């Protein structure tokens, strides 16, 4: 709570009690397999298919042999990653497989796996990634039975201490709405003016990210990208991250657009200190953040998501729990590409029509009222014709989103040629105009290529 001087006191000092819920547990309910190999309990990923592995599975539903679900086999041991370790495309050829066979754990099921042969280098798939994060591989509670159900009674109240780090385009509006809803919110940002804007509403300003984390029951982060997320989470350059300050049982809600390798490392790091990490990237822009109408794509444990849902519903109008850890950011990355690909197709359609003799405003109106209508046409079309190019969102963020999308495509083995061309265009635009330029200037590259700047053409031909 805030004292007379406007400072804050950690929740422990305020007498609140946070239920302790072990997070590093294996839960067979959260996997596509009916059972899991017990070798997971020793820090082993349940993935990578051995070249010559036979399976003999006996369950209540009968038996099978030579099953293709080789994920039940003991794979190579988990690499011990540093905060800035290898990415998700690193082959596992350097790992040593555990010897012998492993026993699957699960109700009414037993299984043996024959002696494993050496696997060839294999790369992570998104299914492997998400499954691994769902089955947190930290060893601190590996001795717990996988069928154990942990009960908690967590209620979000006005006494719940909420931390918020990052008050940019999304963070400032989201934090403001949490304060307006009557929550105790402690905030930090590199810009003191942004912190002051939340303090003016009734929030509490903190000196650093560690001060925000100290005593927080739930902490939100809204940051530019993976590098900043990891630095805040686990530290950088000798400075500690929030995971060193959060209490066991606290929840970290990550609103930023992250990448898969960073998310994987942070989930493992959070699990080791019994912090619940939920990825909840958003869509809706600064206006959606200010109005509390963001769309939120949530990935994480169902119980954890249910506990924080009241807070998510304060900052967002549409809250979708799309799957386990990593699923939220995957959904965000996939859908946001339409913003940029449609921007490029919109400018090309406008140029085609105007070059053929149609007035720019008329052409845009036709698009907005035809099969080509879209959010991009409705929102960005007028800004292209006005020549403002939407300064509310920086070009560097757009280029980052497209880069993350193509990294995800490579990770899951999807060939997206048009999306790759759009990524290259945004990278050239960033090199031409700078990372802080309006994002719609990517469209101007195509205008210049065709010697037709639409807003100038419109102005020159307006009586």
Protein backbone atom coordinates (compact mmCIF):
# COMPACT_ATOMS: atom_id res chain seq x y z
CA UNK A 1 0.00 0.00 0.00
CA UNK A 2 1.11 3.56 -0.52
CA UNK A 3 2.25 5.45 2.55
CA UNK A 4 1.96 9.16 3.18
CA UNK A 5 5.15 9.83 1.29
CA UNK A 6 3.93 8.01 -1.78
CA UNK A 7 6.31 5.06 -1.47
CA UNK A 8 5.23 1.46 -1.38
CA UNK A 9 5.59 -1.43 1.00
CA UNK A 10 6.13 -4.99 -0.22
CA UNK A 11 3.12 -7.23 0.21
CA UNK A 12 4.90 -9.37 2.81
CA UNK A 13 5.12 -6.33 5.08
CA UNK A 14 1.45 -5.62 4.51
CA UNK A 15 0.55 -8.98 5.97
CA UNK A 16 -0.78 -10.61 2.81
CA UNK A 17 -0.30 -14.33 2.39
CA UNK A 18 0.40 -15.74 -1.04
CA UNK A 19 -0.71 -19.37 -1.47
CA UNK A 20 2.23 -21.55 -2.34
CA UNK A 21 1.59 -23.63 -5.41
CA UNK A 22 4.48 -25.73 -6.74
CA UNK A 23 4.84 -24.97 -10.40
CA UNK A 24 7.56 -27.37 -11.52
CA UNK A 25 5.38 -30.44 -11.74
CA UNK A 26 4.71 -32.85 -14.56
CA UNK A 27 1.08 -33.03 -15.57
CA UNK A 28 0.06 -35.71 -18.05
CA UNK A 29 -3.22 -33.92 -18.67
CA UNK A 30 -1.42 -31.22 -20.62
CA UNK A 31 0.10 -33.29 -23.39
CA UNK A 32 -1.19 -34.88 -26.55
CA UNK A 33 0.24 -38.19 -25.34
CA UNK A 34 -1.71 -40.30 -22.91
CA UNK A 35 1.40 -40.73 -20.80
CA UNK A 36 4.86 -39.30 -20.32
CA UNK A 37 8.26 -40.97 -19.99
CA UNK A 38 9.63 -40.94 -16.47
CA UNK A 39 12.95 -39.76 -17.87
CA UNK A 40 11.29 -36.31 -18.08
CA UNK A 41 11.59 -36.22 -14.31
CA UNK A 42 15.36 -36.03 -14.68
CA UNK A 43 15.46 -33.05 -16.98
CA UNK A 44 14.92 -34.86 -20.28
CA UNK A 45 12.87 -33.41 -23.12
CA UNK A 46 10.17 -35.79 -24.38
CA UNK A 47 11.19 -35.27 -28.01
CA UNK A 48 13.53 -36.22 -30.86
CA UNK A 49 12.80 -39.43 -32.62
CA UNK A 50 15.43 -42.17 -32.35
CA UNK A 51 16.16 -43.71 -35.73
CA UNK A 52 15.63 -47.30 -34.58
CA UNK A 53 13.27 -47.48 -31.66
CA UNK A 54 10.52 -50.01 -31.19
CA UNK A 55 7.66 -49.45 -28.78
CA UNK A 56 5.51 -51.92 -26.99
CA UNK A 57 2.69 -50.23 -25.17
CA UNK A 58 0.09 -51.88 -23.01
CA UNK A 59 -2.92 -49.86 -21.90
CA UNK A 60 -6.51 -50.42 -20.97
CA UNK A 61 -7.37 -49.80 -24.63
CA UNK A 62 -5.26 -52.69 -25.99
CA UNK A 63 -1.73 -52.84 -27.30
CA UNK A 64 0.20 -51.45 -30.21
CA UNK A 65 3.63 -52.00 -31.65
CA UNK A 66 5.83 -49.84 -33.86
CA UNK A 67 3.82 -46.79 -32.88
CA UNK A 68 4.90 -43.61 -34.66
CA UNK A 69 4.60 -41.60 -31.43
CA UNK A 70 8.33 -41.78 -30.76
CA UNK A 71 8.05 -38.81 -28.39
CA UNK A 72 7.60 -41.41 -25.66
CA UNK A 73 11.27 -42.32 -26.00
CA UNK A 74 13.96 -40.91 -23.78
CA UNK A 75 15.63 -38.20 -25.89
CA UNK A 76 18.95 -36.40 -25.40
CA UNK A 77 19.46 -34.56 -22.14
CA UNK A 78 18.46 -30.93 -21.83
CA UNK A 79 21.13 -28.40 -22.61
CA UNK A 80 21.94 -26.09 -19.73
CA UNK A 81 21.33 -22.70 -21.30
CA UNK A 82 22.72 -19.42 -20.14
CA UNK A 83 20.57 -16.34 -20.29
CA UNK A 84 21.85 -15.71 -23.78
CA UNK A 85 22.27 -19.30 -24.89
CA UNK A 86 21.62 -21.06 -28.15
CA UNK A 87 18.48 -20.55 -30.16
CA UNK A 88 15.68 -22.99 -30.85
CA UNK A 89 17.24 -24.16 -34.10
CA UNK A 90 20.23 -25.71 -32.37
CA UNK A 91 20.59 -29.41 -33.22
CA UNK A 92 20.78 -31.85 -30.36
CA UNK A 93 23.63 -33.89 -31.83
CA UNK A 94 26.01 -32.99 -29.00
CA UNK A 95 23.83 -34.47 -26.27
CA UNK A 96 24.25 -37.85 -24.65
CA UNK A 97 21.20 -40.11 -24.59
CA UNK A 98 20.42 -41.83 -21.30
CA UNK A 99 21.16 -45.52 -21.34
CA UNK A 100 18.58 -48.29 -21.29
CA UNK A 101 14.85 -47.80 -21.34
CA UNK A 102 12.41 -45.50 -19.63
CA UNK A 103 9.05 -46.23 -18.06
CA UNK A 104 6.02 -44.16 -18.95
CA UNK A 105 4.01 -42.65 -16.13
CA UNK A 106 0.25 -42.49 -16.23
CA UNK A 107 -2.92 -44.10 -15.01
CA UNK A 108 -3.38 -47.63 -16.32
CA UNK A 109 -0.37 -47.54 -18.57
CA UNK A 110 3.02 -49.18 -18.71
CA UNK A 111 5.57 -49.02 -21.45
CA UNK A 112 9.10 -50.04 -22.22
CA UNK A 113 11.32 -48.56 -24.87
CA UNK A 114 14.09 -50.59 -26.41
CA UNK A 115 17.72 -49.54 -26.27
CA UNK A 116 18.05 -46.23 -28.06
CA UNK A 117 20.26 -45.65 -31.01
CA UNK A 118 22.07 -42.36 -31.50
CA UNK A 119 19.75 -39.76 -32.99
CA UNK A 120 20.73 -37.61 -35.92
CA UNK A 121 20.73 -33.83 -35.40
CA UNK A 122 17.14 -32.71 -35.07
CA UNK A 123 15.52 -29.32 -34.73
CA UNK A 124 12.73 -28.17 -32.45
CA UNK A 125 9.23 -27.95 -33.82
CA UNK A 126 6.58 -25.69 -32.34
CA UNK A 127 4.76 -28.76 -31.00
CA UNK A 128 7.93 -29.87 -29.24
CA UNK A 129 8.54 -26.38 -27.91
CA UNK A 130 5.09 -25.85 -26.49
CA UNK A 131 4.90 -29.36 -25.06
CA UNK A 132 8.25 -28.93 -23.34
CA UNK A 133 7.14 -25.70 -21.73
CA UNK A 134 3.91 -27.31 -20.61
CA UNK A 135 5.90 -30.10 -18.98
CA UNK A 136 8.30 -27.88 -17.06
CA UNK A 137 11.56 -29.81 -16.88
CA UNK A 138 13.07 -28.27 -13.78
CA UNK A 139 14.04 -30.94 -11.28
CA UNK A 140 13.07 -29.23 -8.05
CA UNK A 141 9.79 -31.13 -7.67
CA UNK A 142 10.41 -33.98 -10.07
CA UNK A 143 9.75 -36.46 -7.30
CA UNK A 144 6.11 -35.37 -7.12
CA UNK A 145 3.68 -37.83 -8.78
CA UNK A 146 2.60 -36.58 -12.18
CA UNK A 147 -1.03 -37.09 -11.25
CA UNK A 148 -0.87 -34.74 -8.27
CA UNK A 149 -3.38 -31.90 -8.42
CA UNK A 150 -2.37 -28.81 -6.49
CA UNK A 151 -5.21 -26.78 -5.05
CA UNK A 152 -5.04 -23.05 -4.50
CA UNK A 153 -7.46 -20.33 -3.60
CA UNK A 154 -6.18 -17.18 -5.24
CA UNK A 155 -8.45 -14.18 -5.52
CA UNK A 156 -7.49 -10.93 -7.19
CA UNK A 157 -8.51 -8.17 -4.78
CA UNK A 158 -7.69 -4.54 -4.20
CA UNK A 159 -4.94 -5.76 -1.85
CA UNK A 160 -3.20 -7.76 -4.55
CA UNK A 161 0.09 -6.03 -5.32
CA UNK A 162 0.54 -5.63 -9.05
CA UNK A 163 3.79 -4.63 -10.67
CA UNK A 164 4.05 -3.16 -14.15
CA UNK A 165 7.31 -2.66 -16.07
CA UNK A 166 7.31 -0.85 -19.41
CA UNK A 167 4.98 2.08 -20.01
CA UNK A 168 5.22 2.42 -23.77
CA UNK A 169 2.49 2.33 -26.41
CA UNK A 170 0.74 -0.62 -24.77
CA UNK A 171 2.00 -0.57 -21.21
CA UNK A 172 0.96 2.95 -20.29
CA UNK A 173 -2.68 2.42 -21.23
CA UNK A 174 -2.82 -1.03 -19.65
CA UNK A 175 -1.26 0.14 -16.39
CA UNK A 176 -3.57 3.16 -16.27
CA UNK A 177 -6.63 0.95 -16.63
CA UNK A 178 -5.47 -1.31 -13.81
CA UNK A 179 -5.08 1.73 -11.55
CA UNK A 180 -8.48 3.11 -12.56
CA UNK A 181 -10.00 -0.27 -11.71
CA UNK A 182 -8.84 0.22 -8.12
CA UNK A 183 -5.81 -2.05 -8.10
CA UNK A 184 -2.59 -1.43 -6.20
CA UNK A 185 -0.11 -0.92 -9.06
CA UNK A 186 3.63 -0.26 -8.76
CA UNK A 187 5.24 0.87 -12.02
CA UNK A 188 8.66 1.47 -13.51
CA UNK A 189 9.91 2.77 -16.85
CA UNK A 190 13.07 4.35 -18.20
CA UNK A 191 11.06 7.54 -18.85
CA UNK A 192 10.20 9.33 -15.57
CA UNK A 193 7.43 11.27 -17.30
CA UNK A 194 5.60 8.05 -18.13
CA UNK A 195 5.92 6.88 -14.55
CA UNK A 196 4.59 10.25 -13.38
CA UNK A 197 1.54 9.88 -15.63
CA UNK A 198 0.56 6.67 -13.80
CA UNK A 199 1.39 8.12 -10.37
CA UNK A 200 -0.98 11.01 -11.16
CA UNK A 201 -3.76 8.45 -11.53
CA UNK A 202 -3.00 6.83 -8.17
CA UNK A 203 -0.27 4.36 -9.06
CA UNK A 204 3.02 4.03 -7.20
CA UNK A 205 6.33 4.84 -8.85
CA UNK A 206 9.35 2.60 -8.25
CA UNK A 207 13.03 3.30 -8.81
CA UNK A 208 13.83 0.08 -10.67
CA UNK A 209 12.42 -3.15 -12.05
CA UNK A 210 13.67 -4.98 -8.95
CA UNK A 211 11.70 -2.62 -6.72
CA UNK A 212 8.60 -3.42 -8.76
CA UNK A 213 9.17 -7.16 -8.43
CA UNK A 214 9.86 -7.11 -4.71
CA UNK A 215 6.63 -8.19 -3.05
CA UNK A 216 4.57 -8.29 -6.24
CA UNK A 217 1.84 -10.91 -6.42
CA UNK A 218 1.43 -10.39 -10.18
CA UNK A 219 3.89 -8.57 -12.41
CA UNK A 220 3.25 -7.39 -15.96
CA UNK A 221 5.96 -6.58 -18.48
CA UNK A 222 5.38 -4.74 -21.75
CA UNK A 223 8.70 -4.36 -23.53
CA UNK A 224 10.04 -3.73 -27.05
CA UNK A 225 11.37 -7.21 -27.83
CA UNK A 226 13.17 -10.41 -26.81
CA UNK A 227 16.45 -8.76 -25.75
CA UNK A 228 14.70 -6.42 -23.33
CA UNK A 229 12.40 -9.16 -22.02
CA UNK A 230 15.34 -11.42 -21.20
CA UNK A 231 17.35 -8.62 -19.63
CA UNK A 232 14.44 -7.71 -17.35
CA UNK A 233 13.71 -11.34 -16.57
CA UNK A 234 17.08 -12.84 -15.74
CA UNK A 235 19.39 -9.84 -15.74
CA UNK A 236 22.17 -8.52 -17.90
CA UNK A 237 25.60 -7.02 -17.39
CA UNK A 238 25.79 -7.96 -13.74
CA UNK A 239 22.35 -6.56 -12.93
CA UNK A 240 19.77 -8.99 -11.57
CA UNK A 241 16.43 -9.65 -13.20
CA UNK A 242 12.95 -9.77 -11.73
CA UNK A 243 13.08 -13.55 -11.26
CA UNK A 244 15.63 -12.97 -8.52
CA UNK A 245 13.21 -10.67 -6.66
CA UNK A 246 9.81 -12.27 -7.17
CA UNK A 247 8.54 -14.52 -4.39
CA UNK A 248 7.70 -18.18 -5.02
CA UNK A 249 4.12 -18.45 -6.27
CA UNK A 250 4.13 -15.01 -7.93
CA UNK A 251 2.84 -14.74 -11.50
CA UNK A 252 4.69 -13.02 -14.34
CA UNK A 253 2.42 -11.92 -17.20
CA UNK A 254 4.46 -11.16 -20.30
CA UNK A 255 2.54 -8.86 -22.67
CA UNK A 256 5.36 -8.33 -25.16
CA UNK A 257 5.92 -10.06 -28.50
CA UNK A 258 8.70 -12.51 -27.67
CA UNK A 259 10.48 -15.19 -29.69
CA UNK A 260 10.41 -18.92 -29.02
CA UNK A 261 14.01 -19.43 -27.85
CA UNK A 262 13.81 -16.58 -25.34
CA UNK A 263 10.41 -17.70 -24.10
CA UNK A 264 11.74 -21.23 -23.60
CA UNK A 265 14.71 -20.06 -21.57
CA UNK A 266 12.60 -17.75 -19.43
CA UNK A 267 9.98 -20.41 -18.73
CA UNK A 268 12.65 -22.80 -17.49
CA UNK A 269 14.24 -20.03 -15.39
CA UNK A 270 10.86 -19.06 -13.92
CA UNK A 271 10.02 -22.66 -13.14
CA UNK A 272 13.26 -23.09 -11.21
CA UNK A 273 12.23 -20.34 -8.78
CA UNK A 274 8.55 -21.34 -8.65
CA UNK A 275 7.33 -18.28 -10.54
CA UNK A 276 4.36 -18.83 -12.83
CA UNK A 277 5.00 -17.39 -16.29
CA UNK A 278 2.11 -16.63 -18.64
CA UNK A 279 2.69 -15.30 -22.14
CA UNK A 280 -0.08 -12.84 -23.04
CA UNK A 281 0.91 -10.74 -26.06
CA UNK A 282 -1.70 -8.28 -27.25
CA UNK A 283 -3.17 -6.71 -30.34
CA UNK A 284 -5.09 -3.48 -30.64
CA UNK A 285 -2.45 -0.78 -30.56
CA UNK A 286 -2.20 2.24 -28.28
CA UNK A 287 -5.87 3.08 -28.74
CA UNK A 288 -6.90 -0.41 -27.63
CA UNK A 289 -4.59 -0.21 -24.62
CA UNK A 290 -6.03 3.17 -23.61
CA UNK A 291 -9.63 2.01 -24.05
CA UNK A 292 -9.10 -1.36 -22.38
CA UNK A 293 -10.18 -3.17 -25.56
CA UNK A 294 -7.02 -5.13 -26.40
CA UNK A 295 -7.18 -8.64 -27.80
CA UNK A 296 -5.00 -10.85 -25.62
CA UNK A 297 -3.56 -14.19 -26.74
CA UNK A 298 -2.78 -16.17 -23.62
CA UNK A 299 -0.50 -19.17 -23.27
CA UNK A 300 0.10 -20.97 -19.99
CA UNK A 301 -1.26 -23.31 -17.36
CA UNK A 302 -5.06 -23.19 -17.28
CA UNK A 303 -5.19 -22.64 -13.51
CA UNK A 304 -2.69 -19.79 -13.71
CA UNK A 305 -4.62 -18.14 -16.52
CA UNK A 306 -7.90 -18.43 -14.64
CA UNK A 307 -6.36 -16.75 -11.59
CA UNK A 308 -5.20 -13.68 -13.50
CA UNK A 309 -8.12 -13.50 -15.92
CA UNK A 310 -9.84 -10.71 -13.91
CA UNK A 311 -6.78 -8.53 -14.49
CA UNK A 312 -6.57 -9.43 -18.18
CA UNK A 313 -10.22 -8.49 -18.58
CA UNK A 314 -9.46 -5.03 -17.21
CA UNK A 315 -6.95 -4.33 -19.98
CA UNK A 316 -8.54 -6.37 -22.77
CA UNK A 317 -11.94 -6.90 -24.33
CA UNK A 318 -11.16 -10.31 -25.84
CA UNK A 319 -9.06 -12.70 -23.77
CA UNK A 320 -8.36 -16.07 -25.41
CA UNK A 321 -6.47 -18.86 -23.67
CA UNK A 322 -5.05 -20.53 -26.78
CA UNK A 323 -2.89 -23.23 -25.20
CA UNK A 324 0.15 -23.94 -23.09
CA UNK A 325 3.26 -21.84 -22.60
CA UNK A 326 4.37 -20.34 -25.91
CA UNK A 327 1.00 -20.72 -27.62
CA UNK A 328 0.03 -17.13 -26.89
CA UNK A 329 3.08 -15.60 -28.50
CA UNK A 330 2.79 -18.02 -31.43
CA UNK A 331 -0.80 -16.93 -32.07
CA UNK A 332 0.19 -13.26 -31.76
CA UNK A 333 3.06 -13.58 -34.22
CA UNK A 334 0.95 -15.48 -36.74
CA UNK A 335 -1.99 -13.05 -36.73
CA UNK A 336 0.01 -9.83 -36.67
CA UNK A 337 1.65 -10.65 -40.00
CA UNK A 338 -1.68 -9.83 -41.66
CA UNK A 339 -1.29 -6.22 -40.58
CA UNK A 340 1.90 -5.90 -42.60
CA UNK A 341 1.12 -8.15 -45.54
CA UNK A 342 -2.22 -6.39 -46.01
CA UNK A 343 -0.52 -3.01 -45.83
CA UNK A 344 1.60 -3.99 -48.81
CA UNK A 345 -1.29 -5.43 -50.81
CA UNK A 346 -3.34 -2.32 -49.99
CA UNK A 347 -0.75 0.10 -51.34
CA UNK A 348 -0.28 -2.02 -54.45
CA UNK A 349 -4.04 -2.12 -55.09
CA UNK A 350 -4.27 1.65 -54.61
CA UNK A 351 -1.37 2.28 -56.96
CA UNK A 352 -2.84 -0.02 -59.58
CA UNK A 353 -6.16 1.78 -59.49
CA UNK A 354 -4.73 5.31 -59.45
CA UNK A 355 -2.26 4.56 -62.24
CA UNK A 356 -5.24 3.32 -64.24
CA UNK A 357 -7.08 6.62 -63.78
CA UNK A 358 -9.13 6.20 -60.58
CA UNK A 359 -9.05 8.95 -57.96
CA UNK A 360 -7.10 7.82 -54.83
CA UNK A 361 -9.92 8.57 -52.37
CA UNK A 362 -12.45 6.87 -54.63
CA UNK A 363 -10.22 3.82 -54.99
CA UNK A 364 -9.81 3.52 -51.22
CA UNK A 365 -13.55 3.86 -50.70
CA UNK A 366 -14.17 1.06 -53.20
CA UNK A 367 -11.71 -1.18 -51.38
CA UNK A 368 -13.29 -0.40 -48.02
CA UNK A 369 -16.70 -1.42 -49.34
CA UNK A 370 -15.79 -4.52 -51.29
CA UNK A 371 -14.30 -7.96 -50.73
CA UNK A 372 -11.00 -6.24 -50.03
CA UNK A 373 -12.23 -4.45 -46.92
CA UNK A 374 -10.13 -4.94 -43.79
CA UNK A 375 -8.91 -3.26 -40.64
CA UNK A 376 -5.84 -2.18 -42.57
CA UNK A 377 -7.89 -0.57 -45.33
CA UNK A 378 -10.20 1.12 -42.84
CA UNK A 379 -7.50 2.38 -40.46
CA UNK A 380 -4.30 2.72 -42.45
CA UNK A 381 -5.68 3.64 -45.87
CA UNK A 382 -6.70 7.18 -44.82
CA UNK A 383 -3.31 7.70 -43.15
CA UNK A 384 -1.47 6.74 -46.33
CA UNK A 385 -3.58 9.15 -48.37
CA UNK A 386 -3.07 11.87 -45.75
CA UNK A 387 0.70 11.36 -45.86
CA UNK A 388 0.97 10.90 -42.08
CA UNK A 389 1.84 7.17 -42.30
CA UNK A 390 0.70 6.54 -38.70
CA UNK A 391 3.37 7.77 -36.31
CA UNK A 392 1.75 5.91 -33.39
CA UNK A 393 3.64 2.69 -34.21
CA UNK A 394 7.33 2.61 -35.13
CA UNK A 395 8.70 0.95 -38.24
CA UNK A 396 11.29 -0.89 -36.17
CA UNK A 397 8.54 -2.74 -34.26
CA UNK A 398 6.91 -3.77 -37.53
CA UNK A 399 10.21 -5.06 -38.90
CA UNK A 400 10.77 -6.97 -35.66
CA UNK A 401 7.36 -8.62 -35.86
CA UNK A 402 8.01 -9.80 -39.40
CA UNK A 403 11.44 -11.09 -38.44
CA UNK A 404 9.93 -13.07 -35.57
CA UNK A 405 7.30 -14.48 -37.91
CA UNK A 406 9.90 -15.81 -40.33
CA UNK A 407 11.96 -17.23 -37.48
CA UNK A 408 8.85 -19.04 -36.32
CA UNK A 409 8.21 -20.26 -39.87
CA UNK A 410 11.73 -21.67 -40.06
CA UNK A 411 11.27 -23.35 -36.67
CA UNK A 412 8.08 -25.13 -37.68
CA UNK A 413 9.15 -25.86 -41.24
CA UNK A 414 6.65 -23.66 -43.11
CA UNK A 415 7.59 -22.08 -46.44
CA UNK A 416 6.04 -18.59 -46.64
CA UNK A 417 7.46 -16.90 -49.75
CA UNK A 418 5.20 -13.84 -49.78
CA UNK A 419 5.68 -13.23 -46.09
CA UNK A 420 9.43 -13.46 -46.60
CA UNK A 421 9.24 -10.78 -49.31
CA UNK A 422 7.22 -8.54 -46.97
CA UNK A 423 9.79 -9.04 -44.20
CA UNK A 424 12.56 -8.01 -46.59
CA UNK A 425 10.59 -4.92 -47.58
CA UNK A 426 10.15 -3.84 -43.96
CA UNK A 427 13.85 -4.39 -43.28
CA UNK A 428 14.75 -2.20 -46.29
CA UNK A 429 12.27 0.41 -45.08
CA UNK A 430 13.84 0.44 -41.63
CA UNK A 431 17.28 0.89 -43.19
CA UNK A 432 15.94 3.74 -45.33
CA UNK A 433 13.84 5.66 -42.79
CA UNK A 434 15.04 4.51 -39.37
CA UNK A 435 13.50 2.34 -36.67
CA UNK A 436 11.48 5.17 -35.12
CA UNK A 437 9.83 6.28 -38.37
CA UNK A 438 6.09 5.65 -38.89
CA UNK A 439 5.50 2.03 -39.86
CA UNK A 440 3.44 2.83 -42.96
CA UNK A 441 6.49 4.33 -44.62
CA UNK A 442 7.10 0.79 -45.82
CA UNK A 443 4.29 1.52 -48.27
CA UNK A 444 6.14 4.59 -49.48
CA UNK A 445 8.98 2.44 -50.80
CA UNK A 446 6.52 0.99 -53.28
CA UNK A 447 5.08 4.43 -54.04
CA UNK A 448 8.56 5.72 -54.86
CA UNK A 449 9.32 2.68 -56.98
CA UNK A 450 6.28 3.61 -59.09
CA UNK A 451 7.00 7.37 -59.10
CA UNK A 452 3.64 8.04 -57.48
CA UNK A 453 3.26 9.34 -53.93
CA UNK A 454 -0.46 9.04 -53.37
CA UNK A 455 -0.93 11.85 -50.86
CA UNK A 456 0.96 14.26 -53.14
CA UNK A 457 -1.04 13.10 -56.15
CA UNK A 458 -4.25 13.62 -54.21
CA UNK A 459 -3.21 17.12 -53.15
CA UNK A 460 -2.07 18.12 -56.64
CA UNK A 461 -5.33 16.98 -58.19
CA UNK A 462 -7.72 18.41 -55.60
CA UNK A 463 -9.50 21.58 -56.88
